[in-house]
Protein backbone atom coordinates (compact mmCIF):
# COMPACT_ATOMS: atom_id res chain seq x y z
CA MET A 1 22.62 13.36 149.41
CA ASP A 2 21.87 11.30 146.30
CA SER A 3 24.69 9.22 144.92
CA VAL A 4 25.68 9.58 141.28
CA PRO A 5 26.17 6.34 139.30
CA ALA A 6 29.64 5.68 138.04
CA GLY A 7 30.23 7.02 134.54
CA LEU A 8 27.73 9.92 134.98
CA VAL A 9 28.42 13.58 135.76
CA ARG A 10 25.69 15.83 137.14
CA GLY A 11 25.93 19.51 137.81
CA GLN A 12 23.63 21.42 140.16
CA GLY A 13 20.11 21.53 138.71
CA GLN A 14 21.22 19.61 135.59
CA PRO A 15 20.36 16.09 134.45
CA SER A 16 22.98 13.38 134.54
CA VAL A 17 25.04 13.03 131.34
CA PRO A 18 27.51 10.32 130.32
CA ARG A 19 31.13 10.94 131.23
CA ILE A 20 33.55 10.81 128.30
CA CYS A 21 36.38 8.43 129.18
CA ARG A 22 39.55 7.69 127.32
CA TRP A 23 40.56 4.07 126.88
CA SER A 24 43.73 3.45 128.84
CA PRO A 25 44.87 -0.18 128.55
CA SER A 26 47.21 -1.80 131.04
CA PHE A 27 50.97 -2.06 130.61
CA PHE A 28 50.83 -5.63 129.31
CA GLN A 29 48.01 -4.81 126.90
CA ARG A 30 50.09 -1.94 125.50
CA VAL A 31 53.16 -4.14 125.10
CA LEU A 32 51.06 -6.78 123.34
CA LEU A 33 49.55 -4.19 120.99
CA LEU A 34 52.98 -2.76 120.24
CA VAL A 35 54.43 -6.21 119.52
CA LEU A 36 51.50 -7.12 117.26
CA LEU A 37 51.88 -3.83 115.37
CA PHE A 38 55.61 -4.29 114.80
CA VAL A 39 55.25 -7.98 113.89
CA ALA A 40 52.55 -7.20 111.31
CA GLU A 41 54.64 -4.44 109.74
CA LEU A 42 57.80 -6.54 109.80
CA THR A 43 56.05 -9.50 108.18
CA VAL A 44 54.79 -7.36 105.30
CA LEU A 45 58.20 -5.77 104.78
CA SER A 46 59.99 -9.13 104.98
CA LEU A 47 57.78 -10.63 102.26
CA TRP A 48 58.08 -7.53 100.08
CA LEU A 49 61.69 -6.37 100.29
CA ASP A 50 64.79 -8.33 99.33
CA THR A 51 68.21 -7.01 100.30
CA ALA A 52 69.74 -9.20 97.58
CA SER A 53 68.58 -6.56 95.09
CA LEU A 54 71.20 -4.23 96.61
CA SER A 55 74.10 -6.66 96.21
CA GLN A 56 75.63 -4.55 93.42
CA SER A 57 75.08 -1.22 95.16
CA THR A 58 77.81 0.92 96.67
CA GLY A 59 77.93 3.48 99.46
CA PHE A 60 75.20 3.47 102.07
CA LEU A 61 72.87 1.25 100.02
CA GLY A 62 75.69 -1.26 99.66
CA ILE A 63 76.00 -1.37 103.44
CA VAL A 64 72.24 -1.92 103.71
CA GLY A 65 72.46 -4.76 101.20
CA ASP A 66 75.34 -6.45 103.06
CA TRP A 67 74.30 -5.86 106.65
CA GLY A 68 70.66 -4.75 106.67
CA ALA A 69 69.24 -8.24 107.27
CA TRP A 70 71.73 -8.92 110.07
CA VAL A 71 70.99 -5.59 111.75
CA LEU A 72 67.30 -6.48 111.72
CA ARG A 73 68.05 -9.92 113.17
CA PHE A 74 70.10 -8.26 115.90
CA ILE A 75 67.20 -5.92 116.78
CA LEU A 76 64.76 -8.83 116.92
CA GLY A 77 67.12 -10.92 119.03
CA PHE A 78 67.81 -8.04 121.42
CA ALA A 79 64.08 -7.33 121.87
CA ALA A 80 63.27 -11.01 122.48
CA ILE A 81 66.11 -11.52 124.97
CA PHE A 82 65.54 -8.26 126.84
CA GLY A 83 61.77 -8.75 127.05
CA THR A 84 62.01 -12.36 128.21
CA PHE A 85 64.59 -11.80 130.95
CA ALA A 86 63.13 -8.47 132.06
CA TRP A 87 59.87 -10.22 132.89
CA LEU A 88 61.40 -13.35 134.43
CA LYS A 89 64.11 -11.63 136.46
CA HIS A 90 62.53 -8.26 137.32
CA LYS A 91 58.84 -9.10 137.51
CA ALA A 92 58.19 -7.13 140.71
CA GLU A 93 59.82 -3.96 139.37
CA ILE A 94 57.89 -4.19 136.11
CA GLU A 95 54.61 -4.63 137.97
CA ARG A 96 55.33 -1.46 139.96
CA ILE A 97 56.05 0.45 136.77
CA SER A 98 52.95 -0.93 135.08
CA SER A 99 50.72 0.52 137.79
CA LYS A 100 51.65 4.01 136.56
CA VAL A 101 50.82 3.34 132.92
CA GLU A 102 47.03 3.28 133.20
CA GLN A 103 47.06 6.94 134.21
CA THR A 104 48.32 7.86 130.73
CA PRO A 105 46.17 7.22 127.64
CA ILE A 106 47.59 5.99 124.37
CA ARG A 107 48.94 8.94 122.39
CA TRP A 108 46.96 8.56 119.20
CA ARG A 109 48.60 11.53 117.50
CA LEU A 110 52.02 9.93 117.85
CA LEU A 111 50.56 6.70 116.51
CA ALA A 112 49.23 8.57 113.49
CA VAL A 113 52.66 10.10 112.91
CA HIS A 114 54.11 6.59 113.18
CA PHE A 115 51.92 5.46 110.29
CA LEU A 116 52.99 8.51 108.29
CA ALA A 117 56.63 7.60 108.90
CA MET A 118 55.89 4.02 107.83
CA ALA A 119 54.23 5.33 104.67
CA ALA A 120 57.37 7.37 103.91
CA PHE A 121 59.49 4.30 104.66
CA ALA A 122 57.40 2.19 102.28
CA GLY A 123 57.62 4.82 99.55
CA LEU A 124 61.39 5.09 99.85
CA SER A 125 61.65 1.29 99.96
CA SER A 126 59.79 1.10 96.67
CA LEU A 127 62.27 3.49 95.08
CA ILE A 128 65.30 1.66 96.47
CA PHE A 129 64.35 -2.03 96.31
CA VAL A 130 61.68 -2.22 93.60
CA ASP A 131 62.50 0.52 91.08
CA GLY A 132 66.24 0.21 91.73
CA ARG A 133 66.97 3.92 91.47
CA SER A 134 70.64 4.70 91.85
CA GLY A 135 70.49 8.49 91.52
CA ARG A 136 71.29 10.18 94.83
CA ALA A 137 71.60 6.74 96.39
CA ASP A 138 73.15 7.96 99.64
CA LEU A 139 70.40 10.55 100.12
CA LEU A 140 67.70 7.95 99.47
CA GLY A 141 69.38 5.47 101.78
CA THR A 142 69.83 7.97 104.60
CA SER A 143 66.23 9.16 104.31
CA TRP A 144 65.02 5.55 104.24
CA PHE A 145 66.99 4.71 107.39
CA ALA A 146 65.79 7.86 109.20
CA ALA A 147 62.15 7.10 108.32
CA GLY A 148 62.47 3.54 109.66
CA ILE A 149 64.11 4.57 112.94
CA SER A 150 61.57 7.38 113.41
CA ALA A 151 58.69 4.94 112.88
CA ILE A 152 60.07 2.60 115.55
CA ILE A 153 60.59 5.39 118.10
CA LEU A 154 57.19 6.98 117.43
CA GLY A 155 55.43 3.63 117.75
CA GLY A 156 57.12 2.92 121.07
CA LEU A 157 56.33 6.38 122.49
CA ALA A 158 52.71 6.18 121.31
CA PHE A 159 52.01 3.20 123.56
CA LEU A 160 54.43 3.86 126.43
CA PRO A 161 55.62 7.32 127.58
CA ARG A 162 59.31 8.14 127.63
CA ALA A 163 59.33 8.05 131.46
CA ILE A 164 58.12 4.43 131.41
CA TRP A 165 60.86 3.38 128.97
CA ALA A 166 63.46 5.10 131.16
CA GLY A 167 62.02 3.38 134.24
CA LEU A 168 62.29 -0.01 132.55
CA VAL A 169 65.97 0.53 131.80
CA ARG A 170 66.69 1.66 135.37
CA ALA A 171 64.70 -1.21 136.92
CA THR A 172 66.45 -3.90 134.90
CA GLY A 173 69.97 -2.66 135.59
CA TYR A 174 72.56 -3.93 133.13
CA LEU A 175 70.19 -6.35 131.43
CA TRP A 176 70.26 -4.20 128.29
CA ALA A 177 74.04 -4.77 128.04
CA TYR A 178 73.71 -8.52 128.58
CA ALA A 179 70.94 -8.71 125.96
CA LEU A 180 73.05 -6.68 123.52
CA ILE A 181 76.04 -9.03 123.92
CA ALA A 182 73.85 -12.13 123.64
CA ALA A 183 72.06 -10.92 120.50
CA LEU A 184 75.36 -9.90 118.90
CA SER A 185 76.89 -13.29 119.72
CA ALA A 186 73.90 -15.10 118.20
CA CYS A 187 74.24 -13.13 114.97
CA VAL A 188 77.99 -13.78 114.80
CA VAL A 189 77.50 -17.53 115.30
CA GLY A 190 74.75 -17.63 112.67
CA ASN A 191 76.73 -15.61 110.14
CA MET A 192 80.02 -17.47 110.56
CA GLY A 193 78.26 -20.81 110.73
CA GLY A 194 76.47 -20.14 107.47
CA ARG A 195 79.72 -19.16 105.74
CA TRP A 196 82.14 -21.72 107.14
CA LEU A 197 80.12 -24.71 108.33
CA TRP A 198 77.44 -24.97 105.65
CA LYS A 199 79.25 -26.83 102.93
CA ALA A 200 78.65 -30.23 101.38
CA ALA A 201 79.93 -33.16 103.45
CA THR A 202 80.44 -31.08 106.61
CA PRO A 203 78.81 -32.33 109.85
CA ALA A 204 76.45 -29.35 110.07
CA SER A 205 75.08 -29.72 106.55
CA TYR A 206 74.97 -33.52 106.76
CA LEU A 207 73.00 -33.43 110.02
CA THR A 208 70.27 -31.12 108.69
CA PHE A 209 70.15 -32.96 105.35
CA GLU A 210 69.91 -36.41 106.95
CA LEU A 211 67.33 -35.36 109.55
CA THR A 212 65.14 -33.86 106.84
CA ARG A 213 65.51 -36.97 104.67
CA ARG A 214 64.47 -39.22 107.54
CA PHE A 215 61.42 -37.08 108.26
CA LEU A 216 60.42 -37.34 104.59
CA SER A 217 60.89 -41.10 104.57
CA LEU A 218 58.14 -41.40 107.18
CA PHE A 219 55.55 -40.05 104.73
CA VAL A 220 56.72 -40.62 101.15
CA SER A 221 58.84 -43.07 99.17
CA GLY A 222 61.11 -42.52 96.21
CA ILE A 223 63.07 -39.70 97.82
CA VAL A 224 65.42 -37.77 95.54
CA ALA A 225 68.59 -36.79 97.45
CA ASN A 226 71.80 -35.17 96.26
CA PRO A 227 73.97 -34.30 99.29
CA GLU A 228 76.67 -32.65 97.18
CA LYS A 229 74.25 -30.05 95.81
CA MET A 230 72.07 -30.09 98.96
CA MET A 231 69.07 -31.04 96.81
CA LEU A 232 66.30 -32.97 98.52
CA GLY A 233 62.73 -33.84 97.66
CA THR A 234 60.51 -36.27 95.80
CA GLN A 235 59.93 -37.14 92.16
CA ARG A 236 57.38 -34.33 91.99
CA PHE A 237 59.00 -31.60 94.06
CA SER A 238 62.48 -30.85 95.41
CA VAL A 239 64.33 -27.95 97.04
CA ASN A 240 67.84 -26.67 97.49
CA ILE A 241 68.65 -26.37 101.19
CA SER A 242 70.55 -23.08 101.46
CA PRO A 243 72.77 -21.93 104.36
CA GLY A 244 69.89 -19.93 105.80
CA CYS A 245 67.99 -23.19 106.31
CA SER A 246 70.82 -24.86 108.22
CA GLY A 247 69.37 -24.03 111.63
CA LEU A 248 72.70 -22.52 112.68
CA GLU A 249 71.10 -19.13 113.29
CA GLY A 250 68.69 -20.83 115.66
CA VAL A 251 71.57 -22.67 117.32
CA GLY A 252 73.37 -19.38 117.92
CA LEU A 253 70.24 -17.83 119.38
CA ILE A 254 69.42 -20.77 121.64
CA LEU A 255 73.02 -20.83 122.92
CA ALA A 256 72.89 -17.09 123.62
CA PHE A 257 69.63 -17.54 125.53
CA GLY A 258 71.02 -20.54 127.38
CA VAL A 259 74.29 -18.98 128.50
CA LEU A 260 72.53 -15.80 129.65
CA TRP A 261 69.91 -17.92 131.42
CA LEU A 262 72.53 -19.86 133.35
CA LEU A 263 74.29 -16.65 134.33
CA MET A 264 71.18 -14.82 135.52
CA PHE A 265 69.58 -17.80 137.27
CA ARG A 266 72.75 -19.44 138.52
CA ARG A 267 71.48 -19.45 142.11
CA GLU A 268 68.32 -21.30 141.13
CA CYS A 269 70.18 -23.84 138.95
CA ARG A 270 72.20 -26.82 140.06
CA PHE A 271 75.53 -27.19 138.30
CA PRO A 272 76.69 -29.11 136.35
CA GLN A 273 73.35 -30.87 135.70
CA CYS A 274 71.71 -27.70 134.38
CA LEU A 275 74.30 -27.51 131.58
CA LEU A 276 72.28 -30.24 129.86
CA LEU A 277 69.86 -27.50 128.87
CA LEU A 278 72.30 -26.29 126.21
CA PRO A 279 72.56 -29.51 124.15
CA VAL A 280 68.85 -30.17 124.65
CA GLY A 281 68.00 -26.72 123.28
CA VAL A 282 70.37 -27.11 120.31
CA THR A 283 68.93 -30.54 119.51
CA LEU A 284 65.38 -29.21 119.68
CA ILE A 285 66.20 -26.36 117.29
CA LEU A 286 67.84 -28.68 114.76
CA VAL A 287 64.98 -31.21 114.89
CA LEU A 288 62.32 -28.51 114.49
CA ASN A 289 64.27 -26.96 111.62
CA ALA A 290 64.48 -30.29 109.78
CA ALA A 291 60.77 -30.92 110.38
CA ARG A 292 59.95 -27.49 108.96
CA ILE A 293 61.91 -28.15 105.76
CA ALA A 294 60.34 -31.58 105.39
CA ALA A 295 56.87 -30.07 105.85
CA LEU A 296 57.48 -27.59 103.04
CA ILE A 297 58.65 -30.37 100.74
CA LEU A 298 55.56 -32.42 101.57
CA ILE A 299 53.32 -29.45 100.84
CA GLY A 300 54.99 -29.03 97.46
CA ASN A 301 54.73 -32.75 96.78
CA ALA A 302 51.01 -32.62 97.54
CA GLY A 303 50.54 -30.28 94.59
CA ALA A 304 50.49 -26.82 96.18
CA GLN A 305 50.83 -23.93 93.77
CA PRO A 306 54.36 -22.49 93.36
CA SER A 307 53.20 -19.11 94.65
CA CYS A 308 51.96 -20.74 97.85
CA ILE A 309 55.25 -22.58 98.35
CA GLU A 310 57.16 -19.36 97.72
CA ARG A 311 55.22 -17.51 100.41
CA LEU A 312 55.68 -20.35 102.87
CA SER A 313 59.39 -20.55 102.14
CA LEU A 314 59.81 -16.80 102.55
CA ALA A 315 58.14 -17.02 105.93
CA SER A 316 59.98 -20.07 107.22
CA GLY A 317 63.22 -20.68 105.43
CA LEU A 318 64.03 -21.99 101.95
CA ASP A 319 66.29 -20.02 99.65
CA GLY A 320 66.45 -16.27 99.21
CA VAL A 321 67.27 -13.52 101.66
CA ARG A 322 63.88 -12.11 102.54
CA ARG A 323 62.65 -15.15 104.43
CA ARG A 324 65.54 -15.06 106.89
CA ARG A 325 64.07 -12.11 108.75
CA SER A 326 60.74 -13.89 109.31
CA GLY A 327 62.55 -17.13 110.15
CA PHE A 328 64.72 -15.33 112.69
CA LEU A 329 61.58 -13.89 114.29
CA LEU A 330 60.24 -17.42 114.64
CA ARG A 331 63.52 -18.60 116.18
CA CYS A 332 63.46 -15.73 118.70
CA THR A 333 59.99 -16.79 119.81
CA THR A 334 61.00 -20.45 119.99
CA SER A 335 64.08 -19.70 122.10
CA SER A 336 62.06 -17.57 124.51
CA VAL A 337 59.46 -20.31 124.97
CA VAL A 338 62.06 -23.08 125.40
CA TYR A 339 63.89 -21.40 128.28
CA GLU A 340 60.79 -19.96 129.91
CA GLN A 341 59.23 -23.42 130.07
CA THR A 342 62.42 -25.02 131.38
CA LYS A 343 63.06 -22.71 134.31
CA GLN A 344 61.59 -25.13 136.82
CA THR A 345 63.44 -28.01 135.18
CA ALA A 346 66.76 -26.19 135.56
CA SER A 347 66.03 -25.51 139.21
CA ALA A 348 65.29 -29.18 139.87
CA CYS A 349 68.34 -30.56 138.03
């Protein structure tokens, strides 16, 4: 009996014809695609929308203006913490679940509906944030929120079936609760730190200000510094270092990662030596934050256009409210990398 080459289907007395196959990526490819999709959409929204425009609003829109950015930070922190520890702590269970994913193709119809929901979300955002319409504010706000949540759910179900999501929750046990507490704690530390600790002449503000000044002194002379107003720069370009640039949000996130890490990998770590990971992580965050601010000042001093500096600051952290969402995304990634790369170090301490 003649064999039929793979990818061909031949009926009796009929020539071989190509088999139509559906692309079914692996579990990790789907997660990567989903993350890239959400990151791209979040970046566009973060650069476009500013919750400060809702500062004078009341009702539901007032709540969005006051807490919308923090809710988004919480979601990002929860996703980063859950994803990191799910892979590191429950790798075998996830690999078993991933073997079932390839049998199910990506649900392109749900993905199309996701983009429709995002289009509705963008349209409502334009009415709320750009045009500033106050008529039927609660209805607009509720519809806007529903469109955003629907887009997130539809995107997740398009790449991974509901059974896979349920299997992930069951396989990881109470990790979702630990990640929720850690993300909430990071947001509380960042919020309270920005309100209470970020004032002129306090240790937190002085540390970031002085670190940034020292970084600048390595490259330029004639530095203009006003610690009382948190103004720092050169004769050609200077910035006001706002509370969102303090690095305290990153400190809260790195501490949340660190404490959860020590709890979940306590058998692999040697106490009390492994506790050094916490101050090392905090120091790294503060140094990287100061280097980031100094880099932006140097770019401005080199003669970059104001529009370019504005985009860079929105993405990484100088003044305004919009940039904090992108900056928090960067801090989530940094915290994940720091503790993933130090697992072996903690075990050897």
